[in-house]
Amino acid sequence: TNIINTNKIVSIEQVFDFGSGCICCSPDGD
């Protein structure tokens, strides 16, 4: 990823989809 470098960003996190397009949003999702 090419996110700009700035001290305003406190964290960059990643969540992953295993095929459905919405798995990370399930009750137990990332």
PDB file of all heavy atoms in Angstrom:
ATOM      1  N   THR A   1       0.842  -1.185   0.000  1.00  0.00           N
ATOM      2  CA  THR A   1       0.000   0.000   0.000  1.00  0.00           C
ATOM      3  C   THR A   1       0.879   1.237   0.000  1.00  0.00           C
ATOM      4  O   THR A   1       2.002   1.222   0.486  1.00  0.00           O
ATOM      5  CB  THR A   1      -0.900   0.022   1.252  1.00  0.00           C
ATOM      6  OG1 THR A   1      -0.076  -0.039   2.413  1.00  0.00           O
ATOM      7  CG2 THR A   1      -1.854  -1.163   1.244  1.00  0.00           C
ATOM      8  N   ASN A   2       0.339   2.296  -0.556  1.00  0.00           N
ATOM      9  CA  ASN A   2       1.083   3.545  -0.672  1.00  0.00           C
ATOM     10  C   ASN A   2       0.390   4.639   0.120  1.00  0.00           C
ATOM     11  O   ASN A   2       0.075   5.702  -0.398  1.00  0.00           O
ATOM     12  CB  ASN A   2       1.222   3.933  -2.143  1.00  0.00           C
ATOM     13  CG  ASN A   2       2.041   2.934  -2.929  1.00  0.00           C
ATOM     14  OD1 ASN A   2       3.157   2.606  -2.550  1.00  0.00           O
ATOM     15  ND2 ASN A   2       1.489   2.443  -4.032  1.00  0.00           N
ATOM     16  N   ILE A   3       0.142   4.353   1.385  1.00  0.00           N
ATOM     17  CA  ILE A   3      -0.472   5.344   2.258  1.00  0.00           C
ATOM     18  C   ILE A   3       0.563   6.424   2.565  1.00  0.00           C
ATOM     19  O   ILE A   3       1.731   6.135   2.829  1.00  0.00           O
ATOM     20  CB  ILE A   3      -0.955   4.702   3.574  1.00  0.00           C
ATOM     21  CG1 ILE A   3      -1.916   3.535   3.289  1.00  0.00           C
ATOM     22  CG2 ILE A   3      -1.629   5.742   4.452  1.00  0.00           C
ATOM     23  CD1 ILE A   3      -3.178   3.931   2.581  1.00  0.00           C
ATOM     24  N   ILE A   4       0.113   7.667   2.526  1.00  0.00           N
ATOM     25  CA  ILE A   4       1.045   8.774   2.773  1.00  0.00           C
ATOM     26  C   ILE A   4       1.633   8.689   4.180  1.00  0.00           C
ATOM     27  O   ILE A   4       0.996   8.189   5.112  1.00  0.00           O
ATOM     28  CB  ILE A   4       0.362  10.147   2.572  1.00  0.00           C
ATOM     29  CG1 ILE A   4      -0.826  10.316   3.528  1.00  0.00           C
ATOM     30  CG2 ILE A   4      -0.069  10.320   1.139  1.00  0.00           C
ATOM     31  CD1 ILE A   4      -1.446  11.687   3.469  1.00  0.00           C
ATOM     32  N   ASN A   5       2.835   9.165   4.300  1.00  0.00           N
ATOM     33  CA  ASN A   5       3.538   9.139   5.586  1.00  0.00           C
ATOM     34  C   ASN A   5       3.222  10.420   6.354  1.00  0.00           C
ATOM     35  O   ASN A   5       3.620  11.511   5.962  1.00  0.00           O
ATOM     36  CB  ASN A   5       5.041   9.020   5.344  1.00  0.00           C
ATOM     37  CG  ASN A   5       5.827   8.888   6.636  1.00  0.00           C
ATOM     38  OD1 ASN A   5       5.244   8.582   7.676  1.00  0.00           O
ATOM     39  ND2 ASN A   5       7.121   9.125   6.574  1.00  0.00           N
ATOM     40  N   THR A   6       2.483  10.289   7.427  1.00  0.00           N
ATOM     41  CA  THR A   6       2.118  11.441   8.232  1.00  0.00           C
ATOM     42  C   THR A   6       1.954  11.010   9.674  1.00  0.00           C
ATOM     43  O   THR A   6       1.495   9.894   9.957  1.00  0.00           O
ATOM     44  CB  THR A   6       0.816  12.101   7.731  1.00  0.00           C
ATOM     45  OG1 THR A   6       0.383  13.080   8.695  1.00  0.00           O
ATOM     46  CG2 THR A   6      -0.280  11.074   7.544  1.00  0.00           C
ATOM     47  N   ASN A   7       2.323  11.887  10.594  1.00  0.00           N
ATOM     48  CA  ASN A   7       2.189  11.546  12.004  1.00  0.00           C
ATOM     49  C   ASN A   7       0.747  11.607  12.490  1.00  0.00           C
ATOM     50  O   ASN A   7       0.464  11.316  13.654  1.00  0.00           O
ATOM     51  CB  ASN A   7       3.082  12.452  12.870  1.00  0.00           C
ATOM     52  CG  ASN A   7       2.791  13.932  12.671  1.00  0.00           C
ATOM     53  OD1 ASN A   7       1.777  14.301  12.073  1.00  0.00           O
ATOM     54  ND2 ASN A   7       3.672  14.782  13.162  1.00  0.00           N
ATOM     55  N   LYS A   8      -0.174  11.985  11.599  1.00  0.00           N
ATOM     56  CA  LYS A   8      -1.592  11.963  11.962  1.00  0.00           C
ATOM     57  C   LYS A   8      -2.121  10.528  12.044  1.00  0.00           C
ATOM     58  O   LYS A   8      -3.125  10.263  12.705  1.00  0.00           O
ATOM     59  CB  LYS A   8      -2.416  12.747  10.933  1.00  0.00           C
ATOM     60  CG  LYS A   8      -2.188  14.244  10.974  1.00  0.00           C
ATOM     61  CD  LYS A   8      -3.050  14.973   9.960  1.00  0.00           C
ATOM     62  CE  LYS A   8      -2.597  14.722   8.529  1.00  0.00           C
ATOM     63  NZ  LYS A   8      -3.308  15.583   7.550  1.00  0.00           N
ATOM     64  N   ILE A   9      -1.449   9.604  11.365  1.00  0.00           N
ATOM     65  CA  ILE A   9      -1.882   8.208  11.356  1.00  0.00           C
ATOM     66  C   ILE A   9      -1.312   7.489  12.573  1.00  0.00           C
ATOM     67  O   ILE A   9      -0.097   7.391  12.737  1.00  0.00           O
ATOM     68  CB  ILE A   9      -1.427   7.501  10.062  1.00  0.00           C
ATOM     69  CG1 ILE A   9      -2.052   8.179   8.841  1.00  0.00           C
ATOM     70  CG2 ILE A   9      -1.806   6.017  10.097  1.00  0.00           C
ATOM     71  CD1 ILE A   9      -1.571   7.608   7.518  1.00  0.00           C
ATOM     72  N   VAL A  10      -2.206   7.003  13.426  1.00  0.00           N
ATOM     73  CA  VAL A  10      -1.751   6.313  14.631  1.00  0.00           C
ATOM     74  C   VAL A  10      -1.570   4.813  14.392  1.00  0.00           C
ATOM     75  O   VAL A  10      -0.795   4.158  15.087  1.00  0.00           O
ATOM     76  CB  VAL A  10      -2.723   6.544  15.806  1.00  0.00           C
ATOM     77  CG1 VAL A  10      -2.766   8.014  16.171  1.00  0.00           C
ATOM     78  CG2 VAL A  10      -4.124   6.031  15.483  1.00  0.00           C
ATOM     79  N   SER A  11      -2.292   4.281  13.403  1.00  0.00           N
ATOM     80  CA  SER A  11      -2.165   2.851  13.124  1.00  0.00           C
ATOM     81  C   SER A  11      -2.773   2.524  11.769  1.00  0.00           C
ATOM     82  O   SER A  11      -3.757   3.142  11.347  1.00  0.00           O
ATOM     83  CB  SER A  11      -2.869   2.022  14.212  1.00  0.00           C
ATOM     84  OG  SER A  11      -2.716   0.643  13.974  1.00  0.00           O
ATOM     85  N   ILE A  12      -2.164   1.542  11.090  1.00  0.00           N
ATOM     86  CA  ILE A  12      -2.724   0.985   9.853  1.00  0.00           C
ATOM     87  C   ILE A  12      -2.930  -0.506  10.089  1.00  0.00           C
ATOM     88  O   ILE A  12      -1.974  -1.244  10.327  1.00  0.00           O
ATOM     89  CB  ILE A  12      -1.793   1.206   8.653  1.00  0.00           C
ATOM     90  CG1 ILE A  12      -1.574   2.704   8.409  1.00  0.00           C
ATOM     91  CG2 ILE A  12      -2.384   0.558   7.395  1.00  0.00           C
ATOM     92  CD1 ILE A  12      -0.605   3.002   7.271  1.00  0.00           C
ATOM     93  N   GLU A  13      -4.186  -0.932  10.063  1.00  0.00           N
ATOM     94  CA  GLU A  13      -4.523  -2.330  10.324  1.00  0.00           C
ATOM     95  C   GLU A  13      -5.015  -2.992   9.048  1.00  0.00           C
ATOM     96  O   GLU A  13      -5.483  -2.324   8.117  1.00  0.00           O
ATOM     97  CB  GLU A  13      -5.607  -2.429  11.403  1.00  0.00           C
ATOM     98  CG  GLU A  13      -5.257  -1.728  12.702  1.00  0.00           C
ATOM     99  CD  GLU A  13      -4.166  -2.442  13.483  1.00  0.00           C
ATOM    100  OE1 GLU A  13      -3.939  -3.646  13.219  1.00  0.00           O
ATOM    101  OE2 GLU A  13      -3.551  -1.806  14.358  1.00  0.00           O
ATOM    102  N   GLN A  14      -4.928  -4.322   9.014  1.00  0.00           N
ATOM    103  CA  GLN A  14      -5.414  -5.092   7.883  1.00  0.00           C
ATOM    104  C   GLN A  14      -6.422  -6.130   8.350  1.00  0.00           C
ATOM    105  O   GLN A  14      -6.219  -6.766   9.389  1.00  0.00           O
ATOM    106  CB  GLN A  14      -4.256  -5.791   7.157  1.00  0.00           C
ATOM    107  CG  GLN A  14      -3.286  -4.858   6.459  1.00  0.00           C
ATOM    108  CD  GLN A  14      -2.146  -5.613   5.811  1.00  0.00           C
ATOM    109  OE1 GLN A  14      -1.509  -6.443   6.437  1.00  0.00           O
ATOM    110  NE2 GLN A  14      -1.898  -5.335   4.547  1.00  0.00           N
ATOM    111  N   VAL A  15      -7.498  -6.271   7.602  1.00  0.00           N
ATOM    112  CA  VAL A  15      -8.449  -7.356   7.831  1.00  0.00           C
ATOM    113  C   VAL A  15      -8.611  -8.093   6.508  1.00  0.00           C
ATOM    114  O   VAL A  15      -8.530  -7.488   5.437  1.00  0.00           O
ATOM    115  CB  VAL A  15      -9.814  -6.843   8.342  1.00  0.00           C
ATOM    116  CG1 VAL A  15      -9.666  -6.218   9.716  1.00  0.00           C
ATOM    117  CG2 VAL A  15     -10.423  -5.836   7.377  1.00  0.00           C
ATOM    118  N   PHE A  16      -8.833  -9.386   6.604  1.00  0.00           N
ATOM    119  CA  PHE A  16      -8.781 -10.202   5.399  1.00  0.00           C
ATOM    120  C   PHE A  16     -10.106 -10.879   5.092  1.00  0.00           C
ATOM    121  O   PHE A  16     -10.833 -11.316   5.983  1.00  0.00           O
ATOM    122  CB  PHE A  16      -7.668 -11.246   5.522  1.00  0.00           C
ATOM    123  CG  PHE A  16      -6.297 -10.640   5.534  1.00  0.00           C
ATOM    124  CD1 PHE A  16      -5.675 -10.328   6.735  1.00  0.00           C
ATOM    125  CD2 PHE A  16      -5.648 -10.337   4.347  1.00  0.00           C
ATOM    126  CE1 PHE A  16      -4.412  -9.742   6.751  1.00  0.00           C
ATOM    127  CE2 PHE A  16      -4.393  -9.754   4.355  1.00  0.00           C
ATOM    128  CZ  PHE A  16      -3.778  -9.462   5.558  1.00  0.00           C
ATOM    129  N   ASP A  17     -10.379 -10.943   3.797  1.00  0.00           N
ATOM    130  CA  ASP A  17     -11.573 -11.607   3.269  1.00  0.00           C
ATOM    131  C   ASP A  17     -11.135 -12.918   2.635  1.00  0.00           C
ATOM    132  O   ASP A  17     -10.201 -12.957   1.845  1.00  0.00           O
ATOM    133  CB  ASP A  17     -12.235 -10.680   2.241  1.00  0.00           C
ATOM    134  CG  ASP A  17     -13.298 -11.388   1.426  1.00  0.00           C
ATOM    135  OD1 ASP A  17     -13.911 -12.310   1.960  1.00  0.00           O
ATOM    136  OD2 ASP A  17     -13.496 -10.999   0.262  1.00  0.00           O
ATOM    137  N   PHE A  18     -11.833 -13.971   2.976  1.00  0.00           N
ATOM    138  CA  PHE A  18     -11.471 -15.282   2.457  1.00  0.00           C
ATOM    139  C   PHE A  18     -12.358 -15.724   1.292  1.00  0.00           C
ATOM    140  O   PHE A  18     -12.420 -16.898   0.964  1.00  0.00           O
ATOM    141  CB  PHE A  18     -11.525 -16.324   3.578  1.00  0.00           C
ATOM    142  CG  PHE A  18     -10.467 -16.111   4.612  1.00  0.00           C
ATOM    143  CD1 PHE A  18     -10.683 -15.244   5.666  1.00  0.00           C
ATOM    144  CD2 PHE A  18      -9.242 -16.742   4.512  1.00  0.00           C
ATOM    145  CE1 PHE A  18      -9.702 -15.015   6.626  1.00  0.00           C
ATOM    146  CE2 PHE A  18      -8.248 -16.521   5.464  1.00  0.00           C
ATOM    147  CZ  PHE A  18      -8.487 -15.665   6.521  1.00  0.00           C
ATOM    148  N   GLY A  19     -13.041 -14.745   0.679  1.00  0.00           N
ATOM    149  CA  GLY A  19     -13.774 -15.093  -0.535  1.00  0.00           C
ATOM    150  C   GLY A  19     -15.168 -14.533  -0.648  1.00  0.00           C
ATOM    151  O   GLY A  19     -15.679 -14.321  -1.739  1.00  0.00           O
ATOM    152  N   SER A  20     -15.830 -14.245   0.479  1.00  0.00           N
ATOM    153  CA  SER A  20     -17.222 -13.814   0.409  1.00  0.00           C
ATOM    154  C   SER A  20     -17.370 -12.319   0.214  1.00  0.00           C
ATOM    155  O   SER A  20     -18.440 -11.847  -0.144  1.00  0.00           O
ATOM    156  CB  SER A  20     -17.948 -14.204   1.706  1.00  0.00           C
ATOM    157  OG  SER A  20     -17.455 -13.433   2.773  1.00  0.00           O
ATOM    158  N   GLY A  21     -16.325 -11.561   0.477  1.00  0.00           N
ATOM    159  CA  GLY A  21     -16.418 -10.116   0.367  1.00  0.00           C
ATOM    160  C   GLY A  21     -16.860  -9.447   1.648  1.00  0.00           C
ATOM    161  O   GLY A  21     -16.870  -8.232   1.751  1.00  0.00           O
ATOM    162  N   CYS A  22     -17.260 -10.233   2.658  1.00  0.00           N
ATOM    163  CA  CYS A  22     -17.750  -9.605   3.886  1.00  0.00           C
ATOM    164  C   CYS A  22     -17.430 -10.421   5.134  1.00  0.00           C
ATOM    165  O   CYS A  22     -17.981 -10.154   6.195  1.00  0.00           O
ATOM    166  CB  CYS A  22     -19.257  -9.370   3.793  1.00  0.00           C
ATOM    167  SG  CYS A  22     -20.206 -10.874   3.533  1.00  0.00           S
ATOM    168  N   ILE A  23     -16.574 -11.420   5.041  1.00  0.00           N
ATOM    169  CA  ILE A  23     -16.329 -12.310   6.167  1.00  0.00           C
ATOM    170  C   ILE A  23     -15.771 -11.580   7.370  1.00  0.00           C
ATOM    171  O   ILE A  23     -16.045 -11.925   8.519  1.00  0.00           O
ATOM    172  CB  ILE A  23     -15.372 -13.455   5.754  1.00  0.00           C
ATOM    173  CG1 ILE A  23     -15.321 -14.540   6.843  1.00  0.00           C
ATOM    174  CG2 ILE A  23     -13.983 -12.935   5.458  1.00  0.00           C
ATOM    175  CD1 ILE A  23     -16.582 -15.323   6.989  1.00  0.00           C
ATOM    176  N   CYS A  24     -14.985 -10.520   7.141  1.00  0.00           N
ATOM    177  CA  CYS A  24     -14.369  -9.817   8.268  1.00  0.00           C
ATOM    178  C   CYS A  24     -15.403  -9.080   9.098  1.00  0.00           C
ATOM    179  O   CYS A  24     -15.139  -8.673  10.225  1.00  0.00           O
ATOM    180  CB  CYS A  24     -13.294  -8.850   7.775  1.00  0.00           C
ATOM    181  SG  CYS A  24     -13.947  -7.446   6.870  1.00  0.00           S
ATOM    182  N   CYS A  25     -16.625  -8.887   8.543  1.00  0.00           N
ATOM    183  CA  CYS A  25     -17.665  -8.166   9.252  1.00  0.00           C
ATOM    184  C   CYS A  25     -18.607  -9.097  10.012  1.00  0.00           C
ATOM    185  O   CYS A  25     -19.563  -8.636  10.625  1.00  0.00           O
ATOM    186  CB  CYS A  25     -18.495  -7.332   8.275  1.00  0.00           C
ATOM    187  SG  CYS A  25     -17.535  -6.109   7.388  1.00  0.00           S
ATOM    188  N   SER A  26     -18.373 -10.385   9.956  1.00  0.00           N
ATOM    189  CA  SER A  26     -19.193 -11.334  10.688  1.00  0.00           C
ATOM    190  C   SER A  26     -18.964 -11.139  12.187  1.00  0.00           C
ATOM    191  O   SER A  26     -17.993 -10.498  12.594  1.00  0.00           O
ATOM    192  CB  SER A  26     -18.836 -12.766  10.284  1.00  0.00           C
ATOM    193  OG  SER A  26     -17.514 -13.075  10.683  1.00  0.00           O
ATOM    194  N   PRO A  27     -19.851 -11.694  13.042  1.00  0.00           N
ATOM    195  CA  PRO A  27     -19.702 -11.483  14.492  1.00  0.00           C
ATOM    196  C   PRO A  27     -18.328 -11.880  15.028  1.00  0.00           C
ATOM    197  O   PRO A  27     -17.858 -11.296  16.010  1.00  0.00           O
ATOM    198  CB  PRO A  27     -20.807 -12.366  15.071  1.00  0.00           C
ATOM    199  CG  PRO A  27     -21.858 -12.376  14.007  1.00  0.00           C
ATOM    200  CD  PRO A  27     -21.093 -12.388  12.707  1.00  0.00           C
ATOM    201  N   ASP A  28     -17.687 -12.851  14.405  1.00  0.00           N
ATOM    202  CA  ASP A  28     -16.366 -13.283  14.849  1.00  0.00           C
ATOM    203  C   ASP A  28     -15.267 -12.806  13.905  1.00  0.00           C
ATOM    204  O   ASP A  28     -14.142 -13.289  13.947  1.00  0.00           O
ATOM    205  CB  ASP A  28     -16.310 -14.820  14.948  1.00  0.00           C
ATOM    206  CG  ASP A  28     -17.251 -15.349  16.017  1.00  0.00           C
ATOM    207  OD1 ASP A  28     -17.381 -14.687  17.061  1.00  0.00           O
ATOM    208  OD2 ASP A  28     -17.871 -16.401  15.798  1.00  0.00           O
ATOM    209  N   GLY A  29     -15.601 -11.880  13.036  1.00  0.00           N
ATOM    210  CA  GLY A  29     -14.666 -11.441  12.015  1.00  0.00           C
ATOM    211  C   GLY A  29     -13.596 -10.499  12.544  1.00  0.00           C
ATOM    212  O   GLY A  29     -13.715  -9.910  13.624  1.00  0.00           O
ATOM    213  N   ASP A  30     -12.541 -10.342  11.748  1.00  0.00           N
ATOM    214  CA  ASP A  30     -11.400  -9.511  12.141  1.00  0.00           C
ATOM    215  C   ASP A  30     -11.798  -8.072  12.430  1.00  0.00           C
ATOM    216  O   ASP A  30     -11.347  -7.474  13.416  1.00  0.00           O
ATOM    217  CB  ASP A  30     -10.338  -9.520  11.037  1.00  0.00           C
ATOM    218  CG  ASP A  30      -9.654 -10.861  10.886  1.00  0.00           C
ATOM    219  OD1 ASP A  30      -9.773 -11.682  11.812  1.00  0.00           O
ATOM    220  OD2 ASP A  30      -9.002 -11.081   9.857  1.00  0.00           O
TER     221      ASP A  30
END
